[in-house]
Amino acid sequence: PKKDKMMKPRYQDLQANKIPIAENDG
């Protein structure tokens, strides 16, 4: 959004084992 276009750059690095996973009925 316009209000955030000039915000300070940042990263969110997410390793595979930190990504939530759910399973149900195939």
mmCIF file of all heavy atoms, coordinates in Angstrom:
data_MODEL
# 
_entry.id   MODEL 
# 
loop_
_atom_site.group_PDB 
_atom_site.id 
_atom_site.type_symbol 
_atom_site.label_atom_id 
_atom_site.label_alt_id 
_atom_site.label_comp_id 
_atom_site.label_asym_id 
_atom_site.label_entity_id 
_atom_site.label_seq_id 
_atom_site.pdbx_PDB_ins_code 
_atom_site.Cartn_x 
_atom_site.Cartn_y 
_atom_site.Cartn_z 
_atom_site.occupancy 
_atom_site.B_iso_or_equiv 
_atom_site.pdbx_formal_charge 
_atom_site.auth_seq_id 
_atom_site.auth_comp_id 
_atom_site.auth_asym_id 
_atom_site.auth_atom_id 
_atom_site.pdbx_PDB_model_num 
ATOM 1   N N   . PRO A 1 1  ? 0.837   -1.207  0.000  1.00 0.00 ? 1  PRO A N   1 
ATOM 2   C CA  . PRO A 1 1  ? 0.000   0.000   0.000  1.00 0.00 ? 1  PRO A CA  1 
ATOM 3   C C   . PRO A 1 1  ? 0.867   1.251   0.000  1.00 0.00 ? 1  PRO A C   1 
ATOM 4   O O   . PRO A 1 1  ? 2.041   1.218   0.400  1.00 0.00 ? 1  PRO A O   1 
ATOM 5   C CB  . PRO A 1 1  ? -0.804  -0.129  1.291  1.00 0.00 ? 1  PRO A CB  1 
ATOM 6   C CG  . PRO A 1 1  ? -0.003  -1.038  2.159  1.00 0.00 ? 1  PRO A CG  1 
ATOM 7   C CD  . PRO A 1 1  ? 0.710   -1.981  1.241  1.00 0.00 ? 1  PRO A CD  1 
ATOM 8   N N   . LYS A 1 2  ? 0.295   2.328   -0.447 1.00 0.00 ? 2  LYS A N   1 
ATOM 9   C CA  . LYS A 1 2  ? 1.024   3.599   -0.562 1.00 0.00 ? 2  LYS A CA  1 
ATOM 10  C C   . LYS A 1 2  ? 1.776   3.946   0.726  1.00 0.00 ? 2  LYS A C   1 
ATOM 11  O O   . LYS A 1 2  ? 2.930   4.380   0.684  1.00 0.00 ? 2  LYS A O   1 
ATOM 12  C CB  . LYS A 1 2  ? 0.044   4.723   -0.921 1.00 0.00 ? 2  LYS A CB  1 
ATOM 13  C CG  . LYS A 1 2  ? 0.680   6.084   -1.105 1.00 0.00 ? 2  LYS A CG  1 
ATOM 14  C CD  . LYS A 1 2  ? -0.352  7.135   -1.490 1.00 0.00 ? 2  LYS A CD  1 
ATOM 15  C CE  . LYS A 1 2  ? 0.263   8.515   -1.652 1.00 0.00 ? 2  LYS A CE  1 
ATOM 16  N NZ  . LYS A 1 2  ? 1.286   8.562   -2.712 1.00 0.00 ? 2  LYS A NZ  1 
ATOM 17  N N   . LYS A 1 3  ? 1.147   3.710   1.864  1.00 0.00 ? 3  LYS A N   1 
ATOM 18  C CA  . LYS A 1 3  ? 1.754   4.080   3.142  1.00 0.00 ? 3  LYS A CA  1 
ATOM 19  C C   . LYS A 1 3  ? 3.020   3.275   3.465  1.00 0.00 ? 3  LYS A C   1 
ATOM 20  O O   . LYS A 1 3  ? 3.827   3.688   4.301  1.00 0.00 ? 3  LYS A O   1 
ATOM 21  C CB  . LYS A 1 3  ? 0.735   3.921   4.269  1.00 0.00 ? 3  LYS A CB  1 
ATOM 22  C CG  . LYS A 1 3  ? 0.291   2.495   4.519  1.00 0.00 ? 3  LYS A CG  1 
ATOM 23  C CD  . LYS A 1 3  ? -0.756  2.430   5.616  1.00 0.00 ? 3  LYS A CD  1 
ATOM 24  C CE  . LYS A 1 3  ? -1.242  1.001   5.854  1.00 0.00 ? 3  LYS A CE  1 
ATOM 25  N NZ  . LYS A 1 3  ? -0.172  0.113   6.327  1.00 0.00 ? 3  LYS A NZ  1 
ATOM 26  N N   . ASP A 1 4  ? 3.180   2.116   2.808  1.00 0.00 ? 4  ASP A N   1 
ATOM 27  C CA  . ASP A 1 4  ? 4.320   1.247   3.112  1.00 0.00 ? 4  ASP A CA  1 
ATOM 28  C C   . ASP A 1 4  ? 5.367   1.197   2.011  1.00 0.00 ? 4  ASP A C   1 
ATOM 29  O O   . ASP A 1 4  ? 6.393   0.521   2.166  1.00 0.00 ? 4  ASP A O   1 
ATOM 30  C CB  . ASP A 1 4  ? 3.832   -0.182  3.372  1.00 0.00 ? 4  ASP A CB  1 
ATOM 31  C CG  . ASP A 1 4  ? 3.045   -0.313  4.662  1.00 0.00 ? 4  ASP A CG  1 
ATOM 32  O OD1 . ASP A 1 4  ? 3.268   0.498   5.577  1.00 0.00 ? 4  ASP A OD1 1 
ATOM 33  O OD2 . ASP A 1 4  ? 2.213   -1.234  4.762  1.00 0.00 ? 4  ASP A OD2 1 
ATOM 34  N N   . LYS A 1 5  ? 5.139   1.881   0.901  1.00 0.00 ? 5  LYS A N   1 
ATOM 35  C CA  . LYS A 1 5  ? 6.034   1.721   -0.249 1.00 0.00 ? 5  LYS A CA  1 
ATOM 36  C C   . LYS A 1 5  ? 7.468   2.174   0.040  1.00 0.00 ? 5  LYS A C   1 
ATOM 37  O O   . LYS A 1 5  ? 8.405   1.652   -0.562 1.00 0.00 ? 5  LYS A O   1 
ATOM 38  C CB  . LYS A 1 5  ? 5.470   2.451   -1.476 1.00 0.00 ? 5  LYS A CB  1 
ATOM 39  C CG  . LYS A 1 5  ? 4.344   1.666   -2.141 1.00 0.00 ? 5  LYS A CG  1 
ATOM 40  C CD  . LYS A 1 5  ? 4.001   2.230   -3.500 1.00 0.00 ? 5  LYS A CD  1 
ATOM 41  C CE  . LYS A 1 5  ? 2.943   1.385   -4.192 1.00 0.00 ? 5  LYS A CE  1 
ATOM 42  N NZ  . LYS A 1 5  ? 3.448   0.028   -4.525 1.00 0.00 ? 5  LYS A NZ  1 
ATOM 43  N N   . MET A 1 6  ? 7.630   3.117   0.945  1.00 0.00 ? 6  MET A N   1 
ATOM 44  C CA  . MET A 1 6  ? 8.981   3.599   1.244  1.00 0.00 ? 6  MET A CA  1 
ATOM 45  C C   . MET A 1 6  ? 9.454   3.163   2.632  1.00 0.00 ? 6  MET A C   1 
ATOM 46  O O   . MET A 1 6  ? 10.335  3.779   3.216  1.00 0.00 ? 6  MET A O   1 
ATOM 47  C CB  . MET A 1 6  ? 9.016   5.121   1.100  1.00 0.00 ? 6  MET A CB  1 
ATOM 48  C CG  . MET A 1 6  ? 8.789   5.615   -0.321 1.00 0.00 ? 6  MET A CG  1 
ATOM 49  S SD  . MET A 1 6  ? 10.037  5.022   -1.504 1.00 0.00 ? 6  MET A SD  1 
ATOM 50  C CE  . MET A 1 6  ? 11.452  6.017   -0.983 1.00 0.00 ? 6  MET A CE  1 
ATOM 51  N N   . MET A 1 7  ? 8.877   2.064   3.126  1.00 0.00 ? 7  MET A N   1 
ATOM 52  C CA  . MET A 1 7  ? 9.313   1.554   4.427  1.00 0.00 ? 7  MET A CA  1 
ATOM 53  C C   . MET A 1 7  ? 10.710  0.932   4.313  1.00 0.00 ? 7  MET A C   1 
ATOM 54  O O   . MET A 1 7  ? 11.201  0.641   3.212  1.00 0.00 ? 7  MET A O   1 
ATOM 55  C CB  . MET A 1 7  ? 8.317   0.507   4.943  1.00 0.00 ? 7  MET A CB  1 
ATOM 56  C CG  . MET A 1 7  ? 8.286   -0.794  4.157  1.00 0.00 ? 7  MET A CG  1 
ATOM 57  S SD  . MET A 1 7  ? 7.128   -2.010  4.850  1.00 0.00 ? 7  MET A SD  1 
ATOM 58  C CE  . MET A 1 7  ? 8.052   -2.529  6.298  1.00 0.00 ? 7  MET A CE  1 
ATOM 59  N N   . LYS A 1 8  ? 11.335  0.719   5.434  1.00 0.00 ? 8  LYS A N   1 
ATOM 60  C CA  . LYS A 1 8  ? 12.658  0.106   5.456  1.00 0.00 ? 8  LYS A CA  1 
ATOM 61  C C   . LYS A 1 8  ? 12.555  -1.335  4.972  1.00 0.00 ? 8  LYS A C   1 
ATOM 62  O O   . LYS A 1 8  ? 11.673  -2.080  5.399  1.00 0.00 ? 8  LYS A O   1 
ATOM 63  C CB  . LYS A 1 8  ? 13.225  0.138   6.878  1.00 0.00 ? 8  LYS A CB  1 
ATOM 64  C CG  . LYS A 1 8  ? 14.631  -0.411  6.984  1.00 0.00 ? 8  LYS A CG  1 
ATOM 65  C CD  . LYS A 1 8  ? 15.143  -0.322  8.418  1.00 0.00 ? 8  LYS A CD  1 
ATOM 66  C CE  . LYS A 1 8  ? 16.547  -0.904  8.529  1.00 0.00 ? 8  LYS A CE  1 
ATOM 67  N NZ  . LYS A 1 8  ? 17.061  -0.831  9.927  1.00 0.00 ? 8  LYS A NZ  1 
ATOM 68  N N   . PRO A 1 9  ? 13.458  -1.754  4.092  1.00 0.00 ? 9  PRO A N   1 
ATOM 69  C CA  . PRO A 1 9  ? 13.426  -3.148  3.619  1.00 0.00 ? 9  PRO A CA  1 
ATOM 70  C C   . PRO A 1 9  ? 13.590  -4.138  4.770  1.00 0.00 ? 9  PRO A C   1 
ATOM 71  O O   . PRO A 1 9  ? 14.272  -3.853  5.763  1.00 0.00 ? 9  PRO A O   1 
ATOM 72  C CB  . PRO A 1 9  ? 14.618  -3.221  2.659  1.00 0.00 ? 9  PRO A CB  1 
ATOM 73  C CG  . PRO A 1 9  ? 14.832  -1.814  2.209  1.00 0.00 ? 9  PRO A CG  1 
ATOM 74  C CD  . PRO A 1 9  ? 14.486  -0.958  3.395  1.00 0.00 ? 9  PRO A CD  1 
ATOM 75  N N   . ARG A 1 10 ? 12.958  -5.307  4.626  1.00 0.00 ? 10 ARG A N   1 
ATOM 76  C CA  . ARG A 1 10 ? 13.097  -6.337  5.650  1.00 0.00 ? 10 ARG A CA  1 
ATOM 77  C C   . ARG A 1 10 ? 12.892  -7.726  5.025  1.00 0.00 ? 10 ARG A C   1 
ATOM 78  O O   . ARG A 1 10 ? 12.339  -7.861  3.932  1.00 0.00 ? 10 ARG A O   1 
ATOM 79  C CB  . ARG A 1 10 ? 12.120  -6.142  6.798  1.00 0.00 ? 10 ARG A CB  1 
ATOM 80  C CG  . ARG A 1 10 ? 10.672  -6.461  6.464  1.00 0.00 ? 10 ARG A CG  1 
ATOM 81  C CD  . ARG A 1 10 ? 9.844   -6.606  7.735  1.00 0.00 ? 10 ARG A CD  1 
ATOM 82  N NE  . ARG A 1 10 ? 8.493   -7.059  7.435  1.00 0.00 ? 10 ARG A NE  1 
ATOM 83  C CZ  . ARG A 1 10 ? 7.635   -7.499  8.347  1.00 0.00 ? 10 ARG A CZ  1 
ATOM 84  N NH1 . ARG A 1 10 ? 7.988   -7.541  9.616  1.00 0.00 ? 10 ARG A NH1 1 
ATOM 85  N NH2 . ARG A 1 10 ? 6.426   -7.899  8.007  1.00 0.00 ? 10 ARG A NH2 1 
ATOM 86  N N   . TYR A 1 11 ? 13.357  -8.761  5.739  1.00 0.00 ? 11 TYR A N   1 
ATOM 87  C CA  . TYR A 1 11 ? 13.225  -10.148 5.299  1.00 0.00 ? 11 TYR A CA  1 
ATOM 88  C C   . TYR A 1 11 ? 12.503  -10.956 6.362  1.00 0.00 ? 11 TYR A C   1 
ATOM 89  O O   . TYR A 1 11 ? 12.657  -10.719 7.562  1.00 0.00 ? 11 TYR A O   1 
ATOM 90  C CB  . TYR A 1 11 ? 14.596  -10.792 5.090  1.00 0.00 ? 11 TYR A CB  1 
ATOM 91  C CG  . TYR A 1 11 ? 15.346  -10.308 3.888  1.00 0.00 ? 11 TYR A CG  1 
ATOM 92  C CD1 . TYR A 1 11 ? 16.180  -9.202  3.950  1.00 0.00 ? 11 TYR A CD1 1 
ATOM 93  C CD2 . TYR A 1 11 ? 15.226  -10.967 2.665  1.00 0.00 ? 11 TYR A CD2 1 
ATOM 94  C CE1 . TYR A 1 11 ? 16.880  -8.759  2.853  1.00 0.00 ? 11 TYR A CE1 1 
ATOM 95  C CE2 . TYR A 1 11 ? 15.927  -10.536 1.554  1.00 0.00 ? 11 TYR A CE2 1 
ATOM 96  C CZ  . TYR A 1 11 ? 16.750  -9.432  1.657  1.00 0.00 ? 11 TYR A CZ  1 
ATOM 97  O OH  . TYR A 1 11 ? 17.436  -8.995  0.556  1.00 0.00 ? 11 TYR A OH  1 
ATOM 98  N N   . GLN A 1 12 ? 11.746  -11.934 5.896  1.00 0.00 ? 12 GLN A N   1 
ATOM 99  C CA  . GLN A 1 12 ? 11.269  -13.009 6.747  1.00 0.00 ? 12 GLN A CA  1 
ATOM 100 C C   . GLN A 1 12 ? 11.691  -14.316 6.066  1.00 0.00 ? 12 GLN A C   1 
ATOM 101 O O   . GLN A 1 12 ? 11.164  -14.667 5.017  1.00 0.00 ? 12 GLN A O   1 
ATOM 102 C CB  . GLN A 1 12 ? 9.756   -12.962 6.925  1.00 0.00 ? 12 GLN A CB  1 
ATOM 103 C CG  . GLN A 1 12 ? 9.275   -11.716 7.662  1.00 0.00 ? 12 GLN A CG  1 
ATOM 104 C CD  . GLN A 1 12 ? 7.775   -11.684 7.813  1.00 0.00 ? 12 GLN A CD  1 
ATOM 105 O OE1 . GLN A 1 12 ? 7.199   -12.289 8.706  1.00 0.00 ? 12 GLN A OE1 1 
ATOM 106 N NE2 . GLN A 1 12 ? 7.122   -10.957 6.924  1.00 0.00 ? 12 GLN A NE2 1 
ATOM 107 N N   . ASP A 1 13 ? 12.685  -14.981 6.631  1.00 0.00 ? 13 ASP A N   1 
ATOM 108 C CA  . ASP A 1 13 ? 13.185  -16.240 6.090  1.00 0.00 ? 13 ASP A CA  1 
ATOM 109 C C   . ASP A 1 13 ? 12.566  -17.390 6.869  1.00 0.00 ? 13 ASP A C   1 
ATOM 110 O O   . ASP A 1 13 ? 12.704  -17.455 8.105  1.00 0.00 ? 13 ASP A O   1 
ATOM 111 C CB  . ASP A 1 13 ? 14.711  -16.300 6.179  1.00 0.00 ? 13 ASP A CB  1 
ATOM 112 C CG  . ASP A 1 13 ? 15.378  -15.304 5.244  1.00 0.00 ? 13 ASP A CG  1 
ATOM 113 O OD1 . ASP A 1 13 ? 14.993  -15.263 4.072  1.00 0.00 ? 13 ASP A OD1 1 
ATOM 114 O OD2 . ASP A 1 13 ? 16.275  -14.569 5.702  1.00 0.00 ? 13 ASP A OD2 1 
ATOM 115 N N   . LEU A 1 14 ? 11.879  -18.268 6.169  1.00 0.00 ? 14 LEU A N   1 
ATOM 116 C CA  . LEU A 1 14 ? 11.147  -19.342 6.819  1.00 0.00 ? 14 LEU A CA  1 
ATOM 117 C C   . LEU A 1 14 ? 11.650  -20.690 6.305  1.00 0.00 ? 14 LEU A C   1 
ATOM 118 O O   . LEU A 1 14 ? 11.495  -21.008 5.125  1.00 0.00 ? 14 LEU A O   1 
ATOM 119 C CB  . LEU A 1 14 ? 9.647   -19.190 6.524  1.00 0.00 ? 14 LEU A CB  1 
ATOM 120 C CG  . LEU A 1 14 ? 8.695   -20.107 7.280  1.00 0.00 ? 14 LEU A CG  1 
ATOM 121 C CD1 . LEU A 1 14 ? 8.816   -19.878 8.789  1.00 0.00 ? 14 LEU A CD1 1 
ATOM 122 C CD2 . LEU A 1 14 ? 7.268   -19.866 6.827  1.00 0.00 ? 14 LEU A CD2 1 
ATOM 123 N N   . GLN A 1 15 ? 12.281  -21.459 7.188  1.00 0.00 ? 15 GLN A N   1 
ATOM 124 C CA  . GLN A 1 15 ? 12.762  -22.782 6.811  1.00 0.00 ? 15 GLN A CA  1 
ATOM 125 C C   . GLN A 1 15 ? 11.596  -23.751 6.681  1.00 0.00 ? 15 GLN A C   1 
ATOM 126 O O   . GLN A 1 15 ? 10.556  -23.606 7.328  1.00 0.00 ? 15 GLN A O   1 
ATOM 127 C CB  . GLN A 1 15 ? 13.773  -23.283 7.835  1.00 0.00 ? 15 GLN A CB  1 
ATOM 128 C CG  . GLN A 1 15 ? 15.050  -22.465 7.875  1.00 0.00 ? 15 GLN A CG  1 
ATOM 129 C CD  . GLN A 1 15 ? 16.042  -22.991 8.900  1.00 0.00 ? 15 GLN A CD  1 
ATOM 130 O OE1 . GLN A 1 15 ? 15.673  -23.723 9.812  1.00 0.00 ? 15 GLN A OE1 1 
ATOM 131 N NE2 . GLN A 1 15 ? 17.303  -22.617 8.738  1.00 0.00 ? 15 GLN A NE2 1 
ATOM 132 N N   . ALA A 1 16 ? 11.808  -24.765 5.845  1.00 0.00 ? 16 ALA A N   1 
ATOM 133 C CA  . ALA A 1 16 ? 10.740  -25.709 5.528  1.00 0.00 ? 16 ALA A CA  1 
ATOM 134 C C   . ALA A 1 16 ? 10.114  -26.325 6.775  1.00 0.00 ? 16 ALA A C   1 
ATOM 135 O O   . ALA A 1 16 ? 8.887   -26.481 6.854  1.00 0.00 ? 16 ALA A O   1 
ATOM 136 C CB  . ALA A 1 16 ? 11.275  -26.802 4.603  1.00 0.00 ? 16 ALA A CB  1 
ATOM 137 N N   . ASN A 1 17 ? 10.947  -26.663 7.770  1.00 0.00 ? 17 ASN A N   1 
ATOM 138 C CA  . ASN A 1 17 ? 10.414  -27.336 8.954  1.00 0.00 ? 17 ASN A CA  1 
ATOM 139 C C   . ASN A 1 17 ? 9.649   -26.409 9.887  1.00 0.00 ? 17 ASN A C   1 
ATOM 140 O O   . ASN A 1 17 ? 9.089   -26.860 10.897 1.00 0.00 ? 17 ASN A O   1 
ATOM 141 C CB  . ASN A 1 17 ? 11.529  -28.066 9.715  1.00 0.00 ? 17 ASN A CB  1 
ATOM 142 C CG  . ASN A 1 17 ? 12.617  -27.130 10.221 1.00 0.00 ? 17 ASN A CG  1 
ATOM 143 O OD1 . ASN A 1 17 ? 12.528  -25.910 10.078 1.00 0.00 ? 17 ASN A OD1 1 
ATOM 144 N ND2 . ASN A 1 17 ? 13.665  -27.698 10.799 1.00 0.00 ? 17 ASN A ND2 1 
ATOM 145 N N   . LYS A 1 18 ? 9.610   -25.111 9.574  1.00 0.00 ? 18 LYS A N   1 
ATOM 146 C CA  . LYS A 1 18 ? 8.854   -24.149 10.375 1.00 0.00 ? 18 LYS A CA  1 
ATOM 147 C C   . LYS A 1 18 ? 7.502   -23.804 9.742  1.00 0.00 ? 18 LYS A C   1 
ATOM 148 O O   . LYS A 1 18 ? 6.721   -23.056 10.328 1.00 0.00 ? 18 LYS A O   1 
ATOM 149 C CB  . LYS A 1 18 ? 9.670   -22.866 10.564 1.00 0.00 ? 18 LYS A CB  1 
ATOM 150 C CG  . LYS A 1 18 ? 11.026  -23.061 11.244 1.00 0.00 ? 18 LYS A CG  1 
ATOM 151 C CD  . LYS A 1 18 ? 10.878  -23.585 12.663 1.00 0.00 ? 18 LYS A CD  1 
ATOM 152 C CE  . LYS A 1 18 ? 12.238  -23.656 13.343 1.00 0.00 ? 18 LYS A CE  1 
ATOM 153 N NZ  . LYS A 1 18 ? 12.128  -24.223 14.716 1.00 0.00 ? 18 LYS A NZ  1 
ATOM 154 N N   . ILE A 1 19 ? 7.250   -24.313 8.531  1.00 0.00 ? 19 ILE A N   1 
ATOM 155 C CA  . ILE A 1 19 ? 5.994   -24.015 7.851  1.00 0.00 ? 19 ILE A CA  1 
ATOM 156 C C   . ILE A 1 19 ? 4.925   -24.992 8.345  1.00 0.00 ? 19 ILE A C   1 
ATOM 157 O O   . ILE A 1 19 ? 5.092   -26.212 8.224  1.00 0.00 ? 19 ILE A O   1 
ATOM 158 C CB  . ILE A 1 19 ? 6.147   -24.129 6.326  1.00 0.00 ? 19 ILE A CB  1 
ATOM 159 C CG1 . ILE A 1 19 ? 7.194   -23.128 5.821  1.00 0.00 ? 19 ILE A CG1 1 
ATOM 160 C CG2 . ILE A 1 19 ? 4.810   -23.891 5.630  1.00 0.00 ? 19 ILE A CG2 1 
ATOM 161 C CD1 . ILE A 1 19 ? 7.502   -23.259 4.341  1.00 0.00 ? 19 ILE A CD1 1 
ATOM 162 N N   . PRO A 1 20 ? 3.822   -24.489 8.914  1.00 0.00 ? 20 PRO A N   1 
ATOM 163 C CA  . PRO A 1 20 ? 2.769   -25.384 9.406  1.00 0.00 ? 20 PRO A CA  1 
ATOM 164 C C   . PRO A 1 20 ? 2.175   -26.229 8.278  1.00 0.00 ? 20 PRO A C   1 
ATOM 165 O O   . PRO A 1 20 ? 2.015   -25.764 7.152  1.00 0.00 ? 20 PRO A O   1 
ATOM 166 C CB  . PRO A 1 20 ? 1.718   -24.421 9.974  1.00 0.00 ? 20 PRO A CB  1 
ATOM 167 C CG  . PRO A 1 20 ? 2.466   -23.155 10.252 1.00 0.00 ? 20 PRO A CG  1 
ATOM 168 C CD  . PRO A 1 20 ? 3.519   -23.072 9.197  1.00 0.00 ? 20 PRO A CD  1 
ATOM 169 N N   . ILE A 1 21 ? 1.872   -27.466 8.604  1.00 0.00 ? 21 ILE A N   1 
ATOM 170 C CA  . ILE A 1 21 ? 1.260   -28.407 7.667  1.00 0.00 ? 21 ILE A CA  1 
ATOM 171 C C   . ILE A 1 21 ? 0.060   -29.057 8.337  1.00 0.00 ? 21 ILE A C   1 
ATOM 172 O O   . ILE A 1 21 ? 0.114   -29.410 9.525  1.00 0.00 ? 21 ILE A O   1 
ATOM 173 C CB  . ILE A 1 21 ? 2.266   -29.493 7.222  1.00 0.00 ? 21 ILE A CB  1 
ATOM 174 C CG1 . ILE A 1 21 ? 3.422   -28.862 6.431  1.00 0.00 ? 21 ILE A CG1 1 
ATOM 175 C CG2 . ILE A 1 21 ? 1.586   -30.571 6.388  1.00 0.00 ? 21 ILE A CG2 1 
ATOM 176 C CD1 . ILE A 1 21 ? 4.526   -29.847 6.068  1.00 0.00 ? 21 ILE A CD1 1 
ATOM 177 N N   . ALA A 1 22 ? -1.031  -29.218 7.590  1.00 0.00 ? 22 ALA A N   1 
ATOM 178 C CA  . ALA A 1 22 ? -2.207  -29.929 8.083  1.00 0.00 ? 22 ALA A CA  1 
ATOM 179 C C   . ALA A 1 22 ? -2.610  -30.981 7.062  1.00 0.00 ? 22 ALA A C   1 
ATOM 180 O O   . ALA A 1 22 ? -2.413  -30.801 5.858  1.00 0.00 ? 22 ALA A O   1 
ATOM 181 C CB  . ALA A 1 22 ? -3.360  -28.955 8.335  1.00 0.00 ? 22 ALA A CB  1 
ATOM 182 N N   . GLU A 1 23 ? -3.179  -32.087 7.549  1.00 0.00 ? 23 GLU A N   1 
ATOM 183 C CA  . GLU A 1 23 ? -3.624  -33.164 6.666  1.00 0.00 ? 23 GLU A CA  1 
ATOM 184 C C   . GLU A 1 23 ? -4.967  -33.687 7.136  1.00 0.00 ? 23 GLU A C   1 
ATOM 185 O O   . GLU A 1 23 ? -5.223  -33.778 8.342  1.00 0.00 ? 23 GLU A O   1 
ATOM 186 C CB  . GLU A 1 23 ? -2.607  -34.306 6.647  1.00 0.00 ? 23 GLU A CB  1 
ATOM 187 C CG  . GLU A 1 23 ? -1.252  -33.936 6.075  1.00 0.00 ? 23 GLU A CG  1 
ATOM 188 C CD  . GLU A 1 23 ? -0.330  -35.148 5.933  1.00 0.00 ? 23 GLU A CD  1 
ATOM 189 O OE1 . GLU A 1 23 ? -0.710  -36.077 5.193  1.00 0.00 ? 23 GLU A OE1 1 
ATOM 190 O OE2 . GLU A 1 23 ? 0.740   -35.131 6.559  1.00 0.00 ? 23 GLU A OE2 1 
ATOM 191 N N   . ASN A 1 24 ? -5.821  -34.063 6.167  1.00 0.00 ? 24 ASN A N   1 
ATOM 192 C CA  . ASN A 1 24 ? -7.129  -34.615 6.501  1.00 0.00 ? 24 ASN A CA  1 
ATOM 193 C C   . ASN A 1 24 ? -7.774  -35.207 5.257  1.00 0.00 ? 24 ASN A C   1 
ATOM 194 O O   . ASN A 1 24 ? -7.869  -34.541 4.223  1.00 0.00 ? 24 ASN A O   1 
ATOM 195 C CB  . ASN A 1 24 ? -8.040  -33.519 7.082  1.00 0.00 ? 24 ASN A CB  1 
ATOM 196 C CG  . ASN A 1 24 ? -9.343  -34.072 7.618  1.00 0.00 ? 24 ASN A CG  1 
ATOM 197 O OD1 . ASN A 1 24 ? -9.397  -35.180 8.125  1.00 0.00 ? 24 ASN A OD1 1 
ATOM 198 N ND2 . ASN A 1 24 ? -10.402 -33.297 7.483  1.00 0.00 ? 24 ASN A ND2 1 
ATOM 199 N N   . ASP A 1 25 ? -8.195  -36.445 5.321  1.00 0.00 ? 25 ASP A N   1 
ATOM 200 C CA  . ASP A 1 25 ? -8.990  -37.091 4.272  1.00 0.00 ? 25 ASP A CA  1 
ATOM 201 C C   . ASP A 1 25 ? -8.401  -36.921 2.872  1.00 0.00 ? 25 ASP A C   1 
ATOM 202 O O   . ASP A 1 25 ? -9.086  -36.516 1.931  1.00 0.00 ? 25 ASP A O   1 
ATOM 203 C CB  . ASP A 1 25 ? -10.423 -36.545 4.286  1.00 0.00 ? 25 ASP A CB  1 
ATOM 204 C CG  . ASP A 1 25 ? -11.178 -36.932 5.547  1.00 0.00 ? 25 ASP A CG  1 
ATOM 205 O OD1 . ASP A 1 25 ? -10.765 -37.907 6.209  1.00 0.00 ? 25 ASP A OD1 1 
ATOM 206 O OD2 . ASP A 1 25 ? -12.165 -36.257 5.870  1.00 0.00 ? 25 ASP A OD2 1 
ATOM 207 N N   . GLY A 1 26 ? -7.112  -37.237 2.722  1.00 0.00 ? 26 GLY A N   1 
ATOM 208 C CA  . GLY A 1 26 ? -6.489  -37.176 1.409  1.00 0.00 ? 26 GLY A CA  1 
ATOM 209 C C   . GLY A 1 26 ? -6.056  -35.801 0.971  1.00 0.00 ? 26 GLY A C   1 
ATOM 210 O O   . GLY A 1 26 ? -5.651  -35.603 -0.180 1.00 0.00 ? 26 GLY A O   1 
# 
